[in-house]
Amino acid sequence: MSCTPGRPEKRNCSAKRSCTLYMVNVCVYHPRTMKPLFTIHEGEFLVGDYISRNFARKYDVWVPTKDSGVDLLVTRKGHNGKPVGLQVKFSRSFDIHKDFSRDVLATSWYTLDPKKIRRSEAQLWVFVFMTLRHERYFVLIPTPELRRRIPRGCRSKWNLYLWAYARGACYQVRDLNLAGRLNAVRRGVQDPYQDFSMYFEAWRLLDKMSR
């Protein structure tokens, strides 16, 4: 029984009960119909697909059936260790100044709610970049660390502009002018809270946090 073609995975499914399916719709079974309760958004799909392709022997990925502030749940095979809740944010890259074309892999723009970050029950926040060439990049940062980086006095909206650089660095460039963004290519940024490099493609955190 599946909702859509592909590789669905179901657990504890029974009549009139919701079941969690990986990378497809979550459905309720009825003798005559099967209707989707919701579908996951593009960022969640890209994260789940990446984990499935690269760490399928180590982790399972689950879609919560209730909206609890956790978009995906990652568990170790054999149910050993701790589950890791992921909050996923997605952004498409936008056109940049020609001076950056050789050094910048991807750009992004996320509008975050500081209150939701402070209340978040997820262990990791995952920021997904999708370039115009459909290249994918990820920033994985623990929730406590993300909370520390919320700007002082920021109450209702936090604009986070993450840029991924070809040399493996990743910076928050929202408050940098053109000269500052050019300087970051070679010298980085002075404010450590603007430096997200250690969390760029930091999939190792799944292993650490699920032990």
N, C-alpha and C. Protein backbone atom coordinates (compact mmCIF):
# COMPACT_ATOMS: atom_id res chain seq x y z
N MET A 1 0.85 -1.18 0.00
CA MET A 1 0.00 0.00 0.00
C MET A 1 0.88 1.23 0.00
N SER A 2 0.74 2.13 -0.96
CA SER A 2 1.53 3.36 -1.00
C SER A 2 0.68 4.46 -1.60
N CYS A 3 1.09 5.70 -1.36
CA CYS A 3 0.32 6.84 -1.82
C CYS A 3 0.73 7.28 -3.21
N THR A 4 2.02 7.21 -3.46
CA THR A 4 2.54 7.63 -4.75
C THR A 4 3.62 6.66 -5.17
N PRO A 5 3.98 6.63 -6.47
CA PRO A 5 5.07 5.77 -6.89
C PRO A 5 6.37 6.17 -6.22
N GLY A 6 7.28 5.23 -6.06
CA GLY A 6 8.57 5.53 -5.46
C GLY A 6 8.93 4.46 -4.46
N ARG A 7 9.60 4.91 -3.39
CA ARG A 7 10.09 3.98 -2.38
C ARG A 7 9.51 4.35 -1.02
N PRO A 8 8.20 4.20 -0.82
CA PRO A 8 7.61 4.58 0.46
C PRO A 8 7.99 3.60 1.55
N GLU A 9 8.01 4.07 2.78
CA GLU A 9 8.27 3.21 3.92
C GLU A 9 7.17 3.47 4.92
N LYS A 10 6.50 2.45 5.40
CA LYS A 10 5.38 2.65 6.31
C LYS A 10 5.62 1.90 7.61
N ARG A 11 5.09 2.44 8.67
CA ARG A 11 5.20 1.85 9.99
C ARG A 11 3.86 1.97 10.70
N ASN A 12 3.41 0.88 11.36
CA ASN A 12 2.23 0.89 12.21
C ASN A 12 1.00 1.44 11.51
N CYS A 13 0.76 1.02 10.28
CA CYS A 13 -0.39 1.52 9.53
C CYS A 13 -1.60 0.62 9.77
N SER A 14 -2.73 1.22 9.98
CA SER A 14 -3.96 0.46 10.14
C SER A 14 -5.12 1.34 9.70
N ALA A 15 -6.29 0.73 9.57
CA ALA A 15 -7.46 1.48 9.10
C ALA A 15 -7.75 2.66 10.01
N LYS A 16 -8.06 3.80 9.35
CA LYS A 16 -8.45 5.02 10.03
C LYS A 16 -7.35 5.60 10.91
N ARG A 17 -6.09 5.17 10.69
CA ARG A 17 -4.98 5.76 11.43
C ARG A 17 -3.99 6.33 10.45
N SER A 18 -3.32 7.40 10.86
CA SER A 18 -2.31 8.00 9.99
C SER A 18 -1.04 7.18 10.07
N CYS A 19 -0.28 7.17 8.98
CA CYS A 19 0.97 6.45 8.96
C CYS A 19 2.05 7.35 8.37
N THR A 20 3.25 7.16 8.82
CA THR A 20 4.34 7.99 8.36
C THR A 20 5.03 7.34 7.18
N LEU A 21 5.12 8.06 6.09
CA LEU A 21 5.76 7.58 4.88
C LEU A 21 6.94 8.47 4.57
N TYR A 22 8.02 7.88 4.15
CA TYR A 22 9.22 8.63 3.83
C TYR A 22 9.17 9.17 2.41
N MET A 23 9.33 10.48 2.28
CA MET A 23 9.43 11.17 1.01
C MET A 23 8.16 11.12 0.16
N VAL A 24 7.04 10.82 0.76
CA VAL A 24 5.78 10.86 0.02
C VAL A 24 4.72 11.49 0.90
N ASN A 25 3.50 11.52 0.43
CA ASN A 25 2.42 12.07 1.24
C ASN A 25 2.16 11.20 2.46
N VAL A 26 1.66 11.81 3.51
CA VAL A 26 1.17 11.07 4.67
C VAL A 26 -0.32 10.91 4.49
N CYS A 27 -0.81 9.67 4.59
CA CYS A 27 -2.19 9.37 4.20
C CYS A 27 -2.96 8.71 5.32
N VAL A 28 -4.26 8.77 5.18
CA VAL A 28 -5.16 8.01 6.04
C VAL A 28 -5.86 6.96 5.19
N TYR A 29 -5.83 5.73 5.64
CA TYR A 29 -6.41 4.63 4.87
C TYR A 29 -7.93 4.59 5.04
N HIS A 30 -8.61 4.40 3.93
CA HIS A 30 -10.05 4.20 3.92
C HIS A 30 -10.31 3.09 2.91
N PRO A 31 -11.30 2.22 3.14
CA PRO A 31 -11.54 1.11 2.20
C PRO A 31 -11.65 1.54 0.75
N ARG A 32 -12.12 2.74 0.47
CA ARG A 32 -12.31 3.15 -0.92
C ARG A 32 -11.33 4.23 -1.37
N THR A 33 -10.85 5.02 -0.46
CA THR A 33 -9.98 6.13 -0.86
C THR A 33 -8.77 6.23 0.06
N MET A 34 -7.76 6.89 -0.42
CA MET A 34 -6.60 7.19 0.41
C MET A 34 -6.25 8.65 0.16
N LYS A 35 -6.50 9.52 1.12
CA LYS A 35 -6.34 10.94 0.92
C LYS A 35 -5.11 11.45 1.68
N PRO A 36 -4.33 12.33 1.04
CA PRO A 36 -3.15 12.87 1.72
C PRO A 36 -3.52 13.86 2.81
N LEU A 37 -2.87 13.75 3.96
CA LEU A 37 -3.06 14.73 5.02
C LEU A 37 -2.20 15.96 4.76
N PHE A 38 -0.97 15.77 4.30
CA PHE A 38 -0.10 16.88 3.95
C PHE A 38 1.04 16.35 3.09
N THR A 39 1.77 17.26 2.48
CA THR A 39 2.96 16.89 1.72
C THR A 39 4.14 17.69 2.26
N ILE A 40 5.32 17.11 2.19
CA ILE A 40 6.50 17.80 2.68
C ILE A 40 6.97 18.82 1.66
N HIS A 41 7.60 19.89 2.12
CA HIS A 41 8.03 20.93 1.20
C HIS A 41 9.38 20.58 0.60
N GLU A 42 9.81 21.41 -0.34
CA GLU A 42 10.99 21.08 -1.14
C GLU A 42 12.25 20.91 -0.31
N GLY A 43 12.45 21.77 0.68
CA GLY A 43 13.64 21.65 1.51
C GLY A 43 13.68 20.35 2.28
N GLU A 44 12.55 19.94 2.85
CA GLU A 44 12.49 18.68 3.58
C GLU A 44 12.79 17.51 2.66
N PHE A 45 12.25 17.58 1.44
CA PHE A 45 12.52 16.51 0.48
C PHE A 45 14.01 16.41 0.18
N LEU A 46 14.68 17.56 -0.05
CA LEU A 46 16.09 17.54 -0.39
C LEU A 46 16.94 17.00 0.75
N VAL A 47 16.60 17.35 1.98
CA VAL A 47 17.35 16.85 3.13
C VAL A 47 17.14 15.35 3.28
N GLY A 48 15.88 14.91 3.23
CA GLY A 48 15.61 13.48 3.35
C GLY A 48 16.24 12.68 2.23
N ASP A 49 16.20 13.22 1.02
CA ASP A 49 16.80 12.54 -0.12
C ASP A 49 18.31 12.44 0.03
N TYR A 50 18.95 13.50 0.53
CA TYR A 50 20.41 13.47 0.70
C TYR A 50 20.81 12.42 1.75
N ILE A 51 20.10 12.40 2.86
CA ILE A 51 20.42 11.41 3.90
C ILE A 51 20.20 10.00 3.38
N SER A 52 19.10 9.79 2.65
CA SER A 52 18.80 8.48 2.11
C SER A 52 19.87 8.01 1.13
N ARG A 53 20.37 8.91 0.32
CA ARG A 53 21.36 8.55 -0.69
C ARG A 53 22.76 8.33 -0.10
N ASN A 54 23.09 9.08 0.93
CA ASN A 54 24.46 9.05 1.44
C ASN A 54 24.64 8.30 2.74
N PHE A 55 23.57 8.17 3.52
CA PHE A 55 23.69 7.51 4.82
C PHE A 55 22.60 6.47 5.04
N ALA A 56 22.14 5.85 3.97
CA ALA A 56 21.00 4.92 4.07
C ALA A 56 21.30 3.73 4.98
N ARG A 57 22.55 3.33 5.07
CA ARG A 57 22.90 2.18 5.91
C ARG A 57 22.97 2.53 7.38
N LYS A 58 22.94 3.81 7.68
CA LYS A 58 23.14 4.24 9.07
C LYS A 58 21.89 4.85 9.70
N TYR A 59 21.08 5.58 8.88
CA TYR A 59 19.96 6.32 9.43
C TYR A 59 18.65 6.03 8.71
N ASP A 60 17.56 6.20 9.46
CA ASP A 60 16.21 6.27 8.90
C ASP A 60 15.72 7.70 9.06
N VAL A 61 14.89 8.14 8.11
CA VAL A 61 14.32 9.49 8.16
C VAL A 61 12.81 9.37 8.26
N TRP A 62 12.23 10.12 9.19
CA TRP A 62 10.79 10.04 9.45
C TRP A 62 10.14 11.41 9.29
N VAL A 63 8.90 11.40 8.86
CA VAL A 63 8.10 12.63 8.77
C VAL A 63 7.08 12.61 9.91
N PRO A 64 7.17 13.54 10.86
CA PRO A 64 6.20 13.57 11.96
C PRO A 64 4.78 13.80 11.42
N THR A 65 3.82 13.13 12.02
CA THR A 65 2.43 13.27 11.58
C THR A 65 1.74 14.46 12.23
N LYS A 66 2.40 15.10 13.20
CA LYS A 66 1.85 16.30 13.82
C LYS A 66 2.88 17.42 13.71
N ASP A 67 2.38 18.63 13.56
CA ASP A 67 3.25 19.79 13.47
C ASP A 67 3.70 20.20 14.87
N SER A 68 4.92 19.80 15.23
CA SER A 68 5.45 20.09 16.55
C SER A 68 6.71 20.95 16.48
N GLY A 69 6.96 21.55 15.34
CA GLY A 69 8.16 22.34 15.18
C GLY A 69 9.36 21.54 14.72
N VAL A 70 9.14 20.27 14.44
CA VAL A 70 10.20 19.39 13.90
C VAL A 70 9.73 18.91 12.54
N ASP A 71 10.53 19.19 11.51
CA ASP A 71 10.14 18.81 10.15
C ASP A 71 10.47 17.37 9.81
N LEU A 72 11.65 16.92 10.26
CA LEU A 72 12.09 15.55 10.00
C LEU A 72 12.72 15.00 11.28
N LEU A 73 12.61 13.69 11.43
CA LEU A 73 13.22 13.00 12.57
C LEU A 73 14.19 11.95 12.02
N VAL A 74 15.42 11.99 12.51
CA VAL A 74 16.44 11.05 12.06
C VAL A 74 16.78 10.11 13.20
N THR A 75 16.74 8.80 12.92
CA THR A 75 17.10 7.79 13.91
C THR A 75 18.14 6.85 13.34
N ARG A 76 18.92 6.25 14.22
CA ARG A 76 19.91 5.27 13.79
C ARG A 76 19.22 3.95 13.45
N LYS A 77 19.81 3.24 12.53
CA LYS A 77 19.30 1.91 12.22
C LYS A 77 19.33 1.04 13.49
N GLY A 78 18.31 0.22 13.65
CA GLY A 78 18.25 -0.64 14.83
C GLY A 78 17.75 0.08 16.05
N HIS A 79 17.34 1.35 15.87
CA HIS A 79 16.77 2.15 16.96
C HIS A 79 17.76 2.33 18.12
N ASN A 80 19.04 2.35 17.82
CA ASN A 80 20.05 2.64 18.82
C ASN A 80 20.31 4.13 18.87
N GLY A 81 20.66 4.64 20.03
CA GLY A 81 20.97 6.05 20.15
C GLY A 81 19.75 6.93 20.28
N LYS A 82 19.97 8.24 20.13
CA LYS A 82 18.92 9.23 20.31
C LYS A 82 18.38 9.70 18.97
N PRO A 83 17.08 9.98 18.89
CA PRO A 83 16.53 10.59 17.67
C PRO A 83 16.97 12.04 17.57
N VAL A 84 17.15 12.52 16.35
CA VAL A 84 17.56 13.91 16.12
C VAL A 84 16.47 14.61 15.32
N GLY A 85 15.87 15.64 15.91
CA GLY A 85 14.85 16.40 15.22
C GLY A 85 15.47 17.50 14.38
N LEU A 86 15.01 17.64 13.14
CA LEU A 86 15.52 18.65 12.22
C LEU A 86 14.46 19.68 11.89
N GLN A 87 14.83 20.93 11.95
CA GLN A 87 14.00 22.03 11.43
C GLN A 87 14.66 22.47 10.13
N VAL A 88 13.91 22.44 9.04
CA VAL A 88 14.49 22.67 7.71
C VAL A 88 14.00 23.99 7.14
N LYS A 89 14.95 24.77 6.60
CA LYS A 89 14.62 26.01 5.90
C LYS A 89 15.23 25.95 4.50
N PHE A 90 14.47 26.41 3.52
CA PHE A 90 14.89 26.30 2.12
C PHE A 90 14.97 27.67 1.46
N SER A 91 15.99 27.83 0.60
CA SER A 91 16.11 29.06 -0.17
C SER A 91 16.72 28.74 -1.52
N ARG A 92 16.21 29.39 -2.54
CA ARG A 92 16.84 29.32 -3.86
C ARG A 92 17.89 30.43 -3.96
N SER A 93 18.97 30.13 -4.65
CA SER A 93 20.01 31.13 -4.85
C SER A 93 19.52 32.21 -5.81
N PHE A 94 20.07 33.39 -5.67
CA PHE A 94 19.70 34.50 -6.54
C PHE A 94 20.94 35.00 -7.27
N ASP A 95 20.72 35.78 -8.30
CA ASP A 95 21.82 36.32 -9.09
C ASP A 95 22.71 37.21 -8.23
N ILE A 96 24.02 37.17 -8.49
CA ILE A 96 24.95 37.96 -7.72
C ILE A 96 25.81 38.81 -8.65
N HIS A 97 26.51 39.74 -8.07
CA HIS A 97 27.40 40.61 -8.83
C HIS A 97 28.48 39.78 -9.53
N LYS A 98 28.84 40.17 -10.72
CA LYS A 98 29.80 39.40 -11.52
C LYS A 98 31.14 39.23 -10.81
N ASP A 99 31.49 40.14 -9.91
CA ASP A 99 32.76 40.05 -9.19
C ASP A 99 32.82 38.83 -8.27
N PHE A 100 31.65 38.25 -7.94
CA PHE A 100 31.61 37.10 -7.04
C PHE A 100 31.49 35.77 -7.78
N SER A 101 31.31 35.80 -9.06
CA SER A 101 30.94 34.60 -9.82
C SER A 101 31.94 33.46 -9.68
N ARG A 102 33.22 33.76 -9.51
CA ARG A 102 34.23 32.71 -9.40
C ARG A 102 34.38 32.16 -7.98
N ASP A 103 33.97 32.93 -7.02
CA ASP A 103 34.26 32.57 -5.62
C ASP A 103 33.04 32.12 -4.82
N VAL A 104 31.86 32.46 -5.27
CA VAL A 104 30.65 32.13 -4.51
C VAL A 104 29.93 30.95 -5.16
N LEU A 105 29.71 29.90 -4.37
CA LEU A 105 29.00 28.72 -4.87
C LEU A 105 27.50 28.94 -4.89
N ALA A 106 26.99 29.52 -3.83
CA ALA A 106 25.53 29.67 -3.70
C ALA A 106 25.21 30.79 -2.73
N THR A 107 24.06 31.40 -2.94
CA THR A 107 23.56 32.43 -2.05
C THR A 107 22.21 32.00 -1.49
N SER A 108 21.77 32.68 -0.45
CA SER A 108 20.47 32.32 0.13
C SER A 108 19.92 33.50 0.93
N TRP A 109 18.66 33.44 1.20
CA TRP A 109 17.98 34.46 2.00
C TRP A 109 16.87 33.77 2.78
N TYR A 110 17.00 33.77 4.10
CA TYR A 110 16.01 33.17 4.98
C TYR A 110 15.44 34.25 5.90
N THR A 111 14.14 34.25 6.06
CA THR A 111 13.48 35.14 7.00
C THR A 111 13.03 34.31 8.19
N LEU A 112 13.66 34.52 9.33
CA LEU A 112 13.45 33.68 10.51
C LEU A 112 12.73 34.45 11.60
N ASP A 113 11.98 33.72 12.41
CA ASP A 113 11.28 34.28 13.55
C ASP A 113 12.08 33.93 14.82
N PRO A 114 12.72 34.92 15.47
CA PRO A 114 13.53 34.62 16.66
C PRO A 114 12.74 33.88 17.75
N LYS A 115 11.46 34.18 17.89
CA LYS A 115 10.67 33.51 18.91
C LYS A 115 10.58 32.00 18.64
N LYS A 116 10.43 31.65 17.36
CA LYS A 116 10.33 30.23 17.02
C LYS A 116 11.67 29.52 17.24
N ILE A 117 12.76 30.22 16.99
CA ILE A 117 14.07 29.62 17.23
C ILE A 117 14.26 29.37 18.73
N ARG A 118 13.87 30.33 19.54
CA ARG A 118 14.04 30.18 20.99
C ARG A 118 13.16 29.07 21.55
N ARG A 119 11.99 28.84 20.92
CA ARG A 119 11.07 27.80 21.41
C ARG A 119 11.29 26.45 20.71
N SER A 120 12.16 26.41 19.74
CA SER A 120 12.30 25.23 18.90
C SER A 120 12.69 23.99 19.71
N GLU A 121 12.04 22.87 19.40
CA GLU A 121 12.36 21.59 20.02
C GLU A 121 13.29 20.75 19.14
N ALA A 122 13.63 21.27 17.97
CA ALA A 122 14.55 20.55 17.08
C ALA A 122 15.96 20.63 17.64
N GLN A 123 16.74 19.57 17.40
CA GLN A 123 18.14 19.58 17.82
C GLN A 123 19.04 20.27 16.80
N LEU A 124 18.66 20.20 15.53
CA LEU A 124 19.45 20.80 14.46
C LEU A 124 18.55 21.61 13.54
N TRP A 125 19.06 22.75 13.09
CA TRP A 125 18.43 23.50 12.02
C TRP A 125 19.24 23.27 10.75
N VAL A 126 18.55 22.98 9.66
CA VAL A 126 19.22 22.70 8.39
C VAL A 126 18.77 23.76 7.38
N PHE A 127 19.74 24.49 6.86
CA PHE A 127 19.47 25.50 5.83
C PHE A 127 19.91 24.94 4.48
N VAL A 128 18.96 24.91 3.56
CA VAL A 128 19.18 24.28 2.26
C VAL A 128 19.33 25.38 1.20
N PHE A 129 20.38 25.27 0.38
CA PHE A 129 20.59 26.17 -0.75
C PHE A 129 20.28 25.39 -2.03
N MET A 130 19.58 25.99 -2.96
CA MET A 130 19.38 25.40 -4.28
C MET A 130 19.79 26.44 -5.32
N THR A 131 20.83 26.13 -6.10
CA THR A 131 21.32 27.10 -7.09
C THR A 131 20.48 27.04 -8.36
N LEU A 132 20.73 27.98 -9.24
CA LEU A 132 20.03 28.01 -10.52
C LEU A 132 20.38 26.80 -11.37
N ARG A 133 21.52 26.15 -11.07
CA ARG A 133 21.93 24.93 -11.78
C ARG A 133 21.49 23.68 -11.02
N HIS A 134 20.64 23.87 -10.03
CA HIS A 134 20.08 22.78 -9.20
C HIS A 134 21.14 22.08 -8.36
N GLU A 135 22.21 22.77 -8.05
CA GLU A 135 23.19 22.26 -7.10
C GLU A 135 22.67 22.50 -5.69
N ARG A 136 23.00 21.59 -4.79
CA ARG A 136 22.44 21.65 -3.45
C ARG A 136 23.55 21.76 -2.42
N TYR A 137 23.35 22.64 -1.46
CA TYR A 137 24.30 22.81 -0.36
C TYR A 137 23.51 22.92 0.95
N PHE A 138 24.17 22.56 2.04
CA PHE A 138 23.48 22.50 3.32
C PHE A 138 24.33 23.09 4.44
N VAL A 139 23.66 23.78 5.34
CA VAL A 139 24.27 24.23 6.59
C VAL A 139 23.49 23.58 7.72
N LEU A 140 24.19 22.87 8.59
CA LEU A 140 23.56 22.20 9.73
C LEU A 140 24.13 22.80 11.00
N ILE A 141 23.27 23.41 11.81
CA ILE A 141 23.73 24.09 13.00
C ILE A 141 22.86 23.70 14.20
N PRO A 142 23.48 23.37 15.34
CA PRO A 142 22.69 23.04 16.53
C PRO A 142 21.83 24.22 16.96
N THR A 143 20.66 23.93 17.45
CA THR A 143 19.72 24.97 17.84
C THR A 143 20.28 25.93 18.88
N PRO A 144 20.97 25.44 19.94
CA PRO A 144 21.52 26.39 20.92
C PRO A 144 22.50 27.38 20.29
N GLU A 145 23.29 26.92 19.32
CA GLU A 145 24.24 27.81 18.66
C GLU A 145 23.51 28.84 17.80
N LEU A 146 22.45 28.41 17.14
CA LEU A 146 21.68 29.35 16.32
C LEU A 146 21.04 30.42 17.20
N ARG A 147 20.58 30.03 18.38
CA ARG A 147 19.99 31.00 19.30
C ARG A 147 21.01 32.07 19.70
N ARG A 148 22.25 31.65 19.92
CA ARG A 148 23.28 32.61 20.32
C ARG A 148 23.58 33.62 19.21
N ARG A 149 23.27 33.27 17.99
CA ARG A 149 23.58 34.13 16.86
C ARG A 149 22.45 35.10 16.49
N ILE A 150 21.32 35.00 17.17
CA ILE A 150 20.24 35.96 16.92
C ILE A 150 20.73 37.35 17.30
N PRO A 151 20.66 38.31 16.41
CA PRO A 151 21.14 39.67 16.72
C PRO A 151 20.41 40.27 17.92
N ARG A 152 21.14 41.05 18.68
CA ARG A 152 20.53 41.73 19.82
C ARG A 152 19.44 42.69 19.35
N GLY A 153 18.36 42.70 20.06
CA GLY A 153 17.26 43.60 19.71
C GLY A 153 16.38 43.09 18.59
N CYS A 154 16.70 41.89 18.05
CA CYS A 154 15.89 41.32 16.97
C CYS A 154 14.70 40.58 17.59
N ARG A 155 13.50 41.06 17.31
CA ARG A 155 12.33 40.50 17.94
C ARG A 155 11.39 39.78 16.98
N SER A 156 11.08 40.39 15.85
CA SER A 156 10.03 39.84 14.99
C SER A 156 10.56 39.18 13.72
N LYS A 157 11.72 39.64 13.22
CA LYS A 157 12.20 39.10 11.94
C LYS A 157 13.72 39.16 11.89
N TRP A 158 14.31 38.05 11.49
CA TRP A 158 15.76 37.98 11.33
C TRP A 158 16.05 37.56 9.90
N ASN A 159 16.65 38.47 9.14
CA ASN A 159 17.04 38.17 7.77
C ASN A 159 18.43 37.57 7.75
N LEU A 160 18.51 36.32 7.35
CA LEU A 160 19.77 35.60 7.33
C LEU A 160 20.19 35.37 5.88
N TYR A 161 21.28 36.00 5.47
CA TYR A 161 21.82 35.84 4.12
C TYR A 161 23.07 34.98 4.22
N LEU A 162 22.96 33.71 3.93
CA LEU A 162 24.12 32.83 3.97
C LEU A 162 24.69 32.67 2.56
N TRP A 163 25.99 32.92 2.44
CA TRP A 163 26.69 32.72 1.18
C TRP A 163 27.71 31.61 1.36
N ALA A 164 27.72 30.66 0.45
CA ALA A 164 28.69 29.56 0.45
C ALA A 164 29.79 29.87 -0.56
N TYR A 165 31.02 29.80 -0.10
CA TYR A 165 32.17 30.15 -0.94
C TYR A 165 32.89 28.89 -1.43
N ALA A 166 33.57 29.03 -2.56
CA ALA A 166 34.22 27.88 -3.21
C ALA A 166 35.30 27.27 -2.33
N ARG A 167 35.88 28.03 -1.43
CA ARG A 167 36.95 27.48 -0.58
C ARG A 167 36.41 26.79 0.67
N GLY A 168 35.10 26.58 0.71
CA GLY A 168 34.51 25.84 1.82
C GLY A 168 34.00 26.69 2.96
N ALA A 169 34.05 28.01 2.80
CA ALA A 169 33.57 28.90 3.85
C ALA A 169 32.10 29.23 3.64
N CYS A 170 31.46 29.70 4.71
CA CYS A 170 30.06 30.12 4.64
C CYS A 170 29.86 31.25 5.64
N TYR A 171 29.35 32.39 5.14
CA TYR A 171 29.20 33.57 5.98
C TYR A 171 27.80 34.16 5.89
N GLN A 172 27.40 34.80 6.99
CA GLN A 172 26.21 35.63 7.01
C GLN A 172 26.63 37.01 6.52
N VAL A 173 26.12 37.42 5.36
CA VAL A 173 26.59 38.66 4.73
C VAL A 173 25.54 39.77 4.75
N ARG A 174 24.50 39.59 5.51
CA ARG A 174 23.39 40.55 5.51
C ARG A 174 23.86 41.97 5.81
N ASP A 175 24.78 42.13 6.74
CA ASP A 175 25.20 43.45 7.16
C ASP A 175 26.50 43.91 6.50
N LEU A 176 26.96 43.19 5.49
CA LEU A 176 28.19 43.56 4.79
C LEU A 176 27.86 44.30 3.50
N ASN A 177 28.58 45.36 3.22
CA ASN A 177 28.41 46.05 1.95
C ASN A 177 29.18 45.30 0.87
N LEU A 178 29.19 45.83 -0.34
CA LEU A 178 29.86 45.15 -1.46
C LEU A 178 31.34 44.93 -1.16
N ALA A 179 32.00 45.95 -0.62
CA ALA A 179 33.42 45.81 -0.31
C ALA A 179 33.65 44.74 0.76
N GLY A 180 32.77 44.70 1.75
CA GLY A 180 32.91 43.70 2.80
C GLY A 180 32.70 42.28 2.30
N ARG A 181 31.78 42.12 1.36
CA ARG A 181 31.53 40.79 0.79
C ARG A 181 32.69 40.36 -0.10
N LEU A 182 33.30 41.31 -0.79
CA LEU A 182 34.49 41.00 -1.59
C LEU A 182 35.66 40.64 -0.69
N ASN A 183 35.80 41.36 0.40
CA ASN A 183 36.89 41.09 1.34
C ASN A 183 36.73 39.73 2.00
N ALA A 184 35.48 39.30 2.22
CA ALA A 184 35.23 38.00 2.85
C ALA A 184 35.73 36.84 2.00
N VAL A 185 35.85 37.06 0.71
CA VAL A 185 36.33 35.99 -0.18
C VAL A 185 37.71 35.52 0.25
N ARG A 186 38.58 36.46 0.66
CA ARG A 186 39.97 36.11 0.98
C ARG A 186 40.28 36.18 2.46
N ARG A 187 39.60 37.06 3.17
CA ARG A 187 39.96 37.27 4.57
C ARG A 187 38.91 36.80 5.56
N GLY A 188 37.77 36.38 5.07
CA GLY A 188 36.71 35.96 5.96
C GLY A 188 35.99 37.15 6.58
N VAL A 189 35.36 36.92 7.71
CA VAL A 189 34.63 37.97 8.42
C VAL A 189 35.19 38.14 9.82
N GLN A 190 35.07 39.32 10.36
CA GLN A 190 35.61 39.60 11.68
C GLN A 190 34.72 39.10 12.81
N ASP A 191 33.41 39.21 12.62
CA ASP A 191 32.47 38.79 13.66
C ASP A 191 32.31 37.27 13.61
N PRO A 192 32.67 36.56 14.67
CA PRO A 192 32.56 35.09 14.66
C PRO A 192 31.12 34.60 14.50
N TYR A 193 30.15 35.43 14.91
CA TYR A 193 28.75 35.03 14.77
C TYR A 193 28.27 35.11 13.32
N GLN A 194 29.06 35.75 12.46
CA GLN A 194 28.74 35.77 11.03
C GLN A 194 29.40 34.63 10.27
N ASP A 195 30.24 33.88 10.95
CA ASP A 195 30.98 32.79 10.32
C ASP A 195 30.26 31.46 10.57
N PHE A 196 29.68 30.89 9.52
CA PHE A 196 28.97 29.61 9.61
C PHE A 196 29.78 28.48 8.97
N SER A 197 31.07 28.71 8.74
CA SER A 197 31.88 27.76 7.96
C SER A 197 31.93 26.38 8.61
N MET A 198 32.04 26.31 9.92
CA MET A 198 32.18 25.01 10.58
C MET A 198 30.88 24.19 10.51
N TYR A 199 29.79 24.85 10.12
CA TYR A 199 28.51 24.15 10.00
C TYR A 199 28.10 23.90 8.55
N PHE A 200 28.96 24.31 7.63
CA PHE A 200 28.69 24.09 6.21
C PHE A 200 28.94 22.62 5.87
N GLU A 201 27.91 21.93 5.41
CA GLU A 201 27.96 20.50 5.09
C GLU A 201 28.39 19.68 6.32
N ALA A 202 27.94 20.09 7.48
CA ALA A 202 28.37 19.44 8.73
C ALA A 202 27.49 18.24 9.07
N TRP A 203 27.45 17.27 8.19
CA TRP A 203 26.64 16.08 8.40
C TRP A 203 27.18 15.21 9.54
N ARG A 204 28.42 15.47 9.94
CA ARG A 204 29.01 14.74 11.07
C ARG A 204 28.19 14.96 12.35
N LEU A 205 27.44 16.06 12.40
CA LEU A 205 26.66 16.36 13.59
C LEU A 205 25.55 15.33 13.82
N LEU A 206 25.07 14.72 12.76
CA LEU A 206 24.06 13.66 12.93
C LEU A 206 24.63 12.51 13.75
N ASP A 207 25.86 12.14 13.46
CA ASP A 207 26.50 11.05 14.21
C ASP A 207 26.70 11.45 15.66
N LYS A 208 27.17 12.65 15.88
CA LYS A 208 27.44 13.12 17.24
C LYS A 208 26.18 13.22 18.07
N MET A 209 25.11 13.76 17.49
CA MET A 209 23.92 14.05 18.26
C MET A 209 22.99 12.85 18.40
N SER A 210 23.20 11.81 17.62
CA SER A 210 22.35 10.62 17.72
C SER A 210 22.94 9.53 18.58
N ARG A 211 24.07 9.77 19.19
CA ARG A 211 24.69 8.75 20.05
C ARG A 211 23.96 8.62 21.37
